[in-house]
PDB file of all heavy atoms in Angstrom:
ATOM      1  N   GLN A   1      57.466 -82.100  31.523  1.00  0.00           N
ATOM      2  CA  GLN A   1      56.790 -80.995  30.869  1.00  0.00           C
ATOM      3  C   GLN A   1      57.779 -80.103  30.139  1.00  0.00           C
ATOM      4  O   GLN A   1      58.931 -79.966  30.550  1.00  0.00           O
ATOM      5  CB  GLN A   1      56.033 -80.138  31.883  1.00  0.00           C
ATOM      6  CG  GLN A   1      54.895 -80.830  32.583  1.00  0.00           C
ATOM      7  CD  GLN A   1      54.096 -79.875  33.441  1.00  0.00           C
ATOM      8  OE1 GLN A   1      53.663 -78.816  32.983  1.00  0.00           O
ATOM      9  NE2 GLN A   1      53.891 -80.249  34.693  1.00  0.00           N
ATOM     10  N   LEU A   2      57.306 -79.492  29.062  1.00  0.00           N
ATOM     11  CA  LEU A   2      58.060 -78.474  28.347  1.00  0.00           C
ATOM     12  C   LEU A   2      57.305 -77.170  28.497  1.00  0.00           C
ATOM     13  O   LEU A   2      56.100 -77.119  28.236  1.00  0.00           O
ATOM     14  CB  LEU A   2      58.194 -78.820  26.861  1.00  0.00           C
ATOM     15  CG  LEU A   2      58.888 -80.131  26.498  1.00  0.00           C
ATOM     16  CD1 LEU A   2      58.915 -80.292  24.977  1.00  0.00           C
ATOM     17  CD2 LEU A   2      60.301 -80.158  27.052  1.00  0.00           C
ATOM     18  N   VAL A   3      57.996 -76.133  28.926  1.00  0.00           N
ATOM     19  CA  VAL A   3      57.363 -74.839  29.130  1.00  0.00           C
ATOM     20  C   VAL A   3      58.082 -73.783  28.319  1.00  0.00           C
ATOM     21  O   VAL A   3      59.265 -73.516  28.544  1.00  0.00           O
ATOM     22  CB  VAL A   3      57.352 -74.442  30.615  1.00  0.00           C
ATOM     23  CG1 VAL A   3      56.690 -73.078  30.785  1.00  0.00           C
ATOM     24  CG2 VAL A   3      56.615 -75.487  31.437  1.00  0.00           C
ATOM     25  N   GLU A   4      57.359 -73.171  27.378  1.00  0.00           N
ATOM     26  CA  GLU A   4      57.924 -72.116  26.550  1.00  0.00           C
ATOM     27  C   GLU A   4      57.695 -70.753  27.191  1.00  0.00           C
ATOM     28  O   GLU A   4      56.736 -70.557  27.940  1.00  0.00           O
ATOM     29  CB  GLU A   4      57.290 -72.107  25.152  1.00  0.00           C
ATOM     30  CG  GLU A   4      57.395 -73.416  24.396  1.00  0.00           C
ATOM     31  CD  GLU A   4      56.134 -74.235  24.495  1.00  0.00           C
ATOM     32  OE1 GLU A   4      55.420 -74.117  25.524  1.00  0.00           O
ATOM     33  OE2 GLU A   4      55.844 -74.996  23.552  1.00  0.00           O
ATOM     34  N   SER A   5      58.559 -69.815  26.847  1.00  0.00           N
ATOM     35  CA  SER A   5      58.403 -68.444  27.296  1.00  0.00           C
ATOM     36  C   SER A   5      59.098 -67.525  26.304  1.00  0.00           C
ATOM     37  O   SER A   5      59.904 -67.968  25.495  1.00  0.00           O
ATOM     38  CB  SER A   5      58.981 -68.244  28.700  1.00  0.00           C
ATOM     39  OG  SER A   5      60.374 -68.493  28.718  1.00  0.00           O
ATOM     40  N   GLY A   6      58.787 -66.246  26.379  1.00  0.00           N
ATOM     41  CA  GLY A   6      59.447 -65.264  25.537  1.00  0.00           C
ATOM     42  C   GLY A   6      58.598 -64.677  24.432  1.00  0.00           C
ATOM     43  O   GLY A   6      58.998 -63.696  23.798  1.00  0.00           O
ATOM     44  N   GLY A   7      57.438 -65.250  24.179  1.00  0.00           N
ATOM     45  CA  GLY A   7      56.570 -64.715  23.144  1.00  0.00           C
ATOM     46  C   GLY A   7      56.073 -63.332  23.520  1.00  0.00           C
ATOM     47  O   GLY A   7      55.844 -63.044  24.696  1.00  0.00           O
ATOM     48  N   ASN A   8      55.884 -62.486  22.518  1.00  0.00           N
ATOM     49  CA  ASN A   8      55.476 -61.117  22.776  1.00  0.00           C
ATOM     50  C   ASN A   8      54.988 -60.463  21.496  1.00  0.00           C
ATOM     51  O   ASN A   8      55.044 -61.058  20.417  1.00  0.00           O
ATOM     52  CB  ASN A   8      56.644 -60.320  23.349  1.00  0.00           C
ATOM     53  CG  ASN A   8      56.215 -59.219  24.283  1.00  0.00           C
ATOM     54  OD1 ASN A   8      55.083 -58.736  24.221  1.00  0.00           O
ATOM     55  ND2 ASN A   8      57.121 -58.807  25.165  1.00  0.00           N
ATOM     56  N   LEU A   9      54.535 -59.235  21.638  1.00  0.00           N
ATOM     57  CA  LEU A   9      54.187 -58.394  20.495  1.00  0.00           C
ATOM     58  C   LEU A   9      55.429 -57.597  20.137  1.00  0.00           C
ATOM     59  O   LEU A   9      56.015 -56.939  20.998  1.00  0.00           O
ATOM     60  CB  LEU A   9      53.030 -57.463  20.846  1.00  0.00           C
ATOM     61  CG  LEU A   9      52.664 -56.393  19.818  1.00  0.00           C
ATOM     62  CD1 LEU A   9      52.146 -57.044  18.540  1.00  0.00           C
ATOM     63  CD2 LEU A   9      51.620 -55.448  20.395  1.00  0.00           C
ATOM     64  N   VAL A  10      55.834 -57.651  18.877  1.00  0.00           N
ATOM     65  CA  VAL A  10      57.049 -56.980  18.447  1.00  0.00           C
ATOM     66  C   VAL A  10      56.845 -56.332  17.083  1.00  0.00           C
ATOM     67  O   VAL A  10      56.037 -56.801  16.275  1.00  0.00           O
ATOM     68  CB  VAL A  10      58.233 -57.976  18.411  1.00  0.00           C
ATOM     69  CG1 VAL A  10      57.990 -59.064  17.372  1.00  0.00           C
ATOM     70  CG2 VAL A  10      59.546 -57.261  18.158  1.00  0.00           C
ATOM     71  N   GLN A  11      57.561 -55.252  16.842  1.00  0.00           N
ATOM     72  CA  GLN A  11      57.491 -54.556  15.563  1.00  0.00           C
ATOM     73  C   GLN A  11      58.249 -55.312  14.472  1.00  0.00           C
ATOM     74  O   GLN A  11      59.162 -56.094  14.752  1.00  0.00           O
ATOM     75  CB  GLN A  11      58.085 -53.152  15.693  1.00  0.00           C
ATOM     76  CG  GLN A  11      57.290 -52.200  16.577  1.00  0.00           C
ATOM     77  CD  GLN A  11      56.171 -51.513  15.821  1.00  0.00           C
ATOM     78  OE1 GLN A  11      56.167 -51.478  14.591  1.00  0.00           O
ATOM     79  NE2 GLN A  11      55.218 -50.963  16.542  1.00  0.00           N
ATOM     80  N   VAL A  12      57.857 -55.072  13.242  1.00  0.00           N
ATOM     81  CA  VAL A  12      58.581 -55.639  12.107  1.00  0.00           C
ATOM     82  C   VAL A  12      60.060 -55.269  12.205  1.00  0.00           C
ATOM     83  O   VAL A  12      60.406 -54.125  12.474  1.00  0.00           O
ATOM     84  CB  VAL A  12      58.010 -55.133  10.772  1.00  0.00           C
ATOM     85  CG1 VAL A  12      58.901 -55.519   9.607  1.00  0.00           C
ATOM     86  CG2 VAL A  12      56.603 -55.660  10.569  1.00  0.00           C
ATOM     87  N   GLY A  13      60.929 -56.247  11.995  1.00  0.00           N
ATOM     88  CA  GLY A  13      62.356 -56.012  12.081  1.00  0.00           C
ATOM     89  C   GLY A  13      62.930 -56.205  13.466  1.00  0.00           C
ATOM     90  O   GLY A  13      64.157 -56.172  13.639  1.00  0.00           O
ATOM     91  N   GLY A  14      62.078 -56.410  14.435  1.00  0.00           N
ATOM     92  CA  GLY A  14      62.519 -56.591  15.802  1.00  0.00           C
ATOM     93  C   GLY A  14      63.005 -58.001  16.076  1.00  0.00           C
ATOM     94  O   GLY A  14      63.041 -58.855  15.187  1.00  0.00           O
ATOM     95  N   SER A  15      63.366 -58.237  17.328  1.00  0.00           N
ATOM     96  CA  SER A  15      63.906 -59.529  17.728  1.00  0.00           C
ATOM     97  C   SER A  15      63.242 -60.048  18.995  1.00  0.00           C
ATOM     98  O   SER A  15      62.763 -59.278  19.828  1.00  0.00           O
ATOM     99  CB  SER A  15      65.415 -59.425  17.978  1.00  0.00           C
ATOM    100  OG  SER A  15      66.113 -59.037  16.821  1.00  0.00           O
ATOM    101  N   LEU A  16      63.219 -61.350  19.121  1.00  0.00           N
ATOM    102  CA  LEU A  16      62.730 -62.021  20.316  1.00  0.00           C
ATOM    103  C   LEU A  16      63.553 -63.280  20.522  1.00  0.00           C
ATOM    104  O   LEU A  16      64.066 -63.855  19.561  1.00  0.00           O
ATOM    105  CB  LEU A  16      61.261 -62.423  20.188  1.00  0.00           C
ATOM    106  CG  LEU A  16      60.178 -61.357  20.301  1.00  0.00           C
ATOM    107  CD1 LEU A  16      58.819 -61.982  19.992  1.00  0.00           C
ATOM    108  CD2 LEU A  16      60.165 -60.738  21.687  1.00  0.00           C
ATOM    109  N   ARG A  17      63.658 -63.693  21.766  1.00  0.00           N
ATOM    110  CA  ARG A  17      64.286 -64.966  22.052  1.00  0.00           C
ATOM    111  C   ARG A  17      63.317 -65.830  22.854  1.00  0.00           C
ATOM    112  O   ARG A  17      62.905 -65.460  23.952  1.00  0.00           O
ATOM    113  CB  ARG A  17      65.597 -64.821  22.832  1.00  0.00           C
ATOM    114  CG  ARG A  17      66.351 -66.160  22.929  1.00  0.00           C
ATOM    115  CD  ARG A  17      67.729 -66.032  23.525  1.00  0.00           C
ATOM    116  NE  ARG A  17      67.710 -66.073  24.978  1.00  0.00           N
ATOM    117  CZ  ARG A  17      68.702 -66.560  25.730  1.00  0.00           C
ATOM    118  NH1 ARG A  17      69.796 -67.039  25.140  1.00  0.00           N
ATOM    119  NH2 ARG A  17      68.606 -66.538  27.045  1.00  0.00           N
ATOM    120  N   LEU A  18      62.974 -66.957  22.292  1.00  0.00           N
ATOM    121  CA  LEU A  18      62.099 -67.901  22.954  1.00  0.00           C
ATOM    122  C   LEU A  18      62.926 -68.927  23.719  1.00  0.00           C
ATOM    123  O   LEU A  18      64.005 -69.319  23.274  1.00  0.00           O
ATOM    124  CB  LEU A  18      61.214 -68.629  21.946  1.00  0.00           C
ATOM    125  CG  LEU A  18      60.387 -67.759  20.999  1.00  0.00           C
ATOM    126  CD1 LEU A  18      59.509 -68.651  20.120  1.00  0.00           C
ATOM    127  CD2 LEU A  18      59.544 -66.761  21.767  1.00  0.00           C
ATOM    128  N   SER A  19      62.402 -69.346  24.851  1.00  0.00           N
ATOM    129  CA  SER A  19      63.064 -70.363  25.652  1.00  0.00           C
ATOM    130  C   SER A  19      62.092 -71.499  25.926  1.00  0.00           C
ATOM    131  O   SER A  19      60.886 -71.284  26.036  1.00  0.00           O
ATOM    132  CB  SER A  19      63.548 -69.787  26.988  1.00  0.00           C
ATOM    133  OG  SER A  19      64.488 -68.761  26.797  1.00  0.00           O
ATOM    134  N   CYS A  20      62.616 -72.685  26.042  1.00  0.00           N
ATOM    135  CA  CYS A  20      61.810 -73.854  26.372  1.00  0.00           C
ATOM    136  C   CYS A  20      62.591 -74.698  27.363  1.00  0.00           C
ATOM    137  O   CYS A  20      63.686 -75.166  27.049  1.00  0.00           O
ATOM    138  CB  CYS A  20      61.495 -74.655  25.114  1.00  0.00           C
ATOM    139  SG  CYS A  20      60.685 -76.246  25.436  1.00  0.00           S
ATOM    140  N   VAL A  21      62.022 -74.880  28.530  1.00  0.00           N
ATOM    141  CA  VAL A  21      62.676 -75.641  29.585  1.00  0.00           C
ATOM    142  C   VAL A  21      61.940 -76.947  29.835  1.00  0.00           C
ATOM    143  O   VAL A  21      60.727 -76.950  30.041  1.00  0.00           O
ATOM    144  CB  VAL A  21      62.735 -74.837  30.898  1.00  0.00           C
ATOM    145  CG1 VAL A  21      63.435 -75.651  31.986  1.00  0.00           C
ATOM    146  CG2 VAL A  21      63.450 -73.517  30.687  1.00  0.00           C
ATOM    147  N   ALA A  22      62.673 -78.031  29.819  1.00  0.00           N
ATOM    148  CA  ALA A  22      62.109 -79.333  30.148  1.00  0.00           C
ATOM    149  C   ALA A  22      62.275 -79.572  31.640  1.00  0.00           C
ATOM    150  O   ALA A  22      63.374 -79.435  32.179  1.00  0.00           O
ATOM    151  CB  ALA A  22      62.807 -80.433  29.360  1.00  0.00           C
ATOM    152  N   SER A  23      61.190 -79.902  32.303  1.00  0.00           N
ATOM    153  CA  SER A  23      61.235 -80.119  33.740  1.00  0.00           C
ATOM    154  C   SER A  23      60.647 -81.477  34.100  1.00  0.00           C
ATOM    155  O   SER A  23      59.931 -82.087  33.317  1.00  0.00           O
ATOM    156  CB  SER A  23      60.487 -79.007  34.482  1.00  0.00           C
ATOM    157  OG  SER A  23      59.115 -78.997  34.126  1.00  0.00           O
ATOM    158  N   GLY A  24      60.944 -81.910  35.318  1.00  0.00           N
ATOM    159  CA  GLY A  24      60.510 -83.211  35.767  1.00  0.00           C
ATOM    160  C   GLY A  24      61.667 -84.190  35.735  1.00  0.00           C
ATOM    161  O   GLY A  24      62.823 -83.802  35.616  1.00  0.00           O
TER     162      GLY A  24
END
């Protein structure tokens, strides 16, 4: 499985970091 995380509501010009972990 691949599980993503890190999505959110953010203001214009802001930053986010998404992660995806492969498990199994």
